[in-house]
Structure formats: C-alpha cells, structure tokens
Amino acid sequence: MGLKELRKKKWFKIMTNTYILVLTIFVIWMAFFDTNSLMIHLELENEIDKLEKEKEFLKSEIAKDKEILEKMSDKKELEKLAREKYYMKKENEEIFLIEYEDSIKNQHHE
C-alpha cells in the first residue's frame, strides 16, 4: 500500500484535515495538560466530596457537643459528670470505687 493509495482513503483525508488535527490537539491539551484540565477537575471533585463528608461529620459532632453543653448548664448534671468521670468529691466525703467482675475481665483481655 503506497502513499498515493493511502491518500485516497476517506478516513485518511478526514484525519489529515487541518481543522480535525487542530481540534484533536486542542482536546488533548485541555484534557491533560492545561491548568484547568479534566484530570485536575476530577481530583478537585473527589476532594470536594471528601470535604462534604467531613463537614457532615463535624456538624453531627457539634450537635453532640451542644447537647452536652446544655446538660452542663444544670448544676446537678455538672456534679454528676464531675463525680462519675473525674472522681471528684465534696469535703468530708468518702468515695468507694466498685468494679464489677465483668469490667475487670474486660480490662485484662484488652
């Protein structure tokens, strides 16, 4: 198959058309090499999705924290937290920590 025969083929004429060549180069450039390329857009979309999920998670954490803060505005709830979590006590008061057998077993297995 010589060059003359190749030039007569319809697909060769279409592919060697100047407009088609320029358009092909333009599309390749925009998809891969440009600063606003398709690849960068896909990476940014993934980043946006990840940040949206993190935003929803943080909103739920904020809601939980607000609920805890509302509980802490009550003196009795605040005292309960201080006693249970931080083992605080009033003056002239004794505290006895009671550990159940199940909790002791779980601590040794962890």
Protein backbone atom coordinates (compact mmCIF):
# COMPACT_ATOMS: atom_id res chain seq x y z
CA MET A 1 0.00 0.00 0.00
CA GLY A 2 1.69 3.15 -1.20
CA LEU A 3 1.29 6.75 -0.13
CA LYS A 4 -0.95 7.55 -3.11
CA GLU A 5 -3.35 4.76 -2.23
CA LEU A 6 -3.34 5.85 1.41
CA ARG A 7 -4.23 9.44 0.44
CA LYS A 8 -7.25 8.21 -1.49
CA LYS A 9 -8.75 6.56 1.57
CA LYS A 10 -11.64 8.51 3.10
CA TRP A 11 -10.52 8.14 6.74
CA PHE A 12 -7.02 9.41 5.84
CA LYS A 13 -8.49 12.55 4.24
CA ILE A 14 -10.61 13.20 7.34
CA MET A 15 -7.72 12.60 9.76
CA THR A 16 -5.31 14.85 7.85
CA ASN A 17 -7.81 17.70 7.65
CA THR A 18 -6.26 20.76 9.35
CA TYR A 19 -9.35 21.52 11.40
CA ILE A 20 -9.59 17.96 12.69
CA LEU A 21 -5.89 17.95 13.64
CA VAL A 22 -6.16 21.28 15.46
CA LEU A 23 -9.34 20.15 17.23
CA THR A 24 -7.71 16.88 18.30
CA ILE A 25 -4.64 18.65 19.67
CA PHE A 26 -6.88 21.18 21.46
CA VAL A 27 -8.98 18.44 23.11
CA ILE A 28 -5.89 16.52 24.22
CA TRP A 29 -4.32 19.71 25.59
CA MET A 30 -7.48 20.68 27.51
CA ALA A 31 -7.98 17.17 28.90
CA PHE A 32 -4.46 16.53 30.18
CA PHE A 33 -2.04 19.48 30.05
CA ASP A 34 -3.96 22.69 30.76
CA THR A 35 -4.08 24.18 34.27
CA ASN A 36 -7.83 23.56 34.24
CA SER A 37 -7.54 20.07 32.80
CA LEU A 38 -10.08 17.32 33.13
CA MET A 39 -7.75 15.38 35.43
CA ILE A 40 -7.48 18.31 37.85
CA HIS A 41 -11.26 18.74 37.79
CA LEU A 42 -11.73 15.08 38.74
CA GLU A 43 -9.22 15.39 41.61
CA LEU A 44 -10.97 18.52 42.85
CA GLU A 45 -14.37 16.82 42.69
CA ASN A 46 -13.05 13.98 44.83
CA GLU A 47 -11.62 16.48 47.30
CA ILE A 48 -14.96 18.31 47.44
CA ASP A 49 -16.79 15.04 48.15
CA LYS A 50 -14.35 14.18 50.93
CA LEU A 51 -14.69 17.64 52.48
CA GLU A 52 -18.51 17.47 52.31
CA LYS A 53 -18.46 14.17 54.23
CA GLU A 54 -16.10 15.66 56.80
CA LYS A 55 -18.37 18.70 57.09
CA GLU A 56 -21.40 16.49 57.83
CA PHE A 57 -19.42 14.53 60.41
CA LEU A 58 -18.27 17.72 62.12
CA LYS A 59 -21.82 19.11 62.13
CA SER A 60 -23.00 16.00 63.95
CA GLU A 61 -20.13 16.34 66.44
CA ILE A 62 -21.07 19.98 67.05
CA ALA A 63 -24.68 18.94 67.70
CA LYS A 64 -23.48 16.35 70.23
CA ASP A 65 -21.27 18.92 71.94
CA LYS A 66 -24.12 21.45 72.11
CA GLU A 67 -26.28 18.81 73.76
CA ILE A 68 -23.56 18.14 76.33
CA LEU A 69 -23.18 21.88 76.97
CA GLU A 70 -26.91 22.20 77.57
CA LYS A 71 -26.72 19.37 80.10
CA MET A 72 -23.78 21.02 81.82
CA SER A 73 -25.78 24.21 82.41
CA ASP A 74 -27.73 22.21 85.03
CA LYS A 75 -25.84 22.09 88.36
CA LYS A 76 -26.94 18.51 89.11
CA GLU A 77 -25.73 17.24 85.72
CA LEU A 78 -22.42 19.04 86.16
CA GLU A 79 -21.95 17.49 89.60
CA LYS A 80 -22.86 14.05 88.23
CA LEU A 81 -20.24 14.37 85.48
CA ALA A 82 -17.58 15.56 87.92
CA ARG A 83 -18.27 12.66 90.27
CA GLU A 84 -18.53 9.90 87.66
CA LYS A 85 -15.87 10.87 85.18
CA TYR A 86 -13.32 12.78 87.23
CA TYR A 87 -13.92 11.14 90.66
CA MET A 88 -14.36 14.49 92.40
CA LYS A 89 -15.95 14.65 95.83
CA LYS A 90 -17.28 17.12 98.35
CA GLU A 91 -15.37 17.93 101.53
CA ASN A 92 -15.69 15.38 104.32
CA GLU A 93 -16.96 12.80 101.87
CA GLU A 94 -15.51 9.40 101.06
CA ILE A 95 -15.69 7.72 97.68
CA PHE A 96 -15.65 3.97 97.14
CA LEU A 97 -14.97 2.73 93.63
CA ILE A 98 -16.71 -0.55 92.95
CA GLU A 99 -15.55 -2.60 90.00
CA TYR A 100 -17.67 -5.48 88.87
CA GLU A 101 -16.15 -8.76 87.84
CA ASP A 102 -17.22 -8.29 84.19
CA SER A 103 -15.43 -4.95 83.90
CA ILE A 104 -12.28 -6.41 85.45
CA LYS A 105 -12.26 -9.32 82.99
CA ASN A 106 -12.77 -6.95 80.04
CA GLN A 107 -9.84 -4.79 81.14
CA HIS A 108 -7.50 -7.78 81.30
CA HIS A 109 -8.49 -9.02 77.85
CA GLU A 110 -7.94 -5.64 76.15
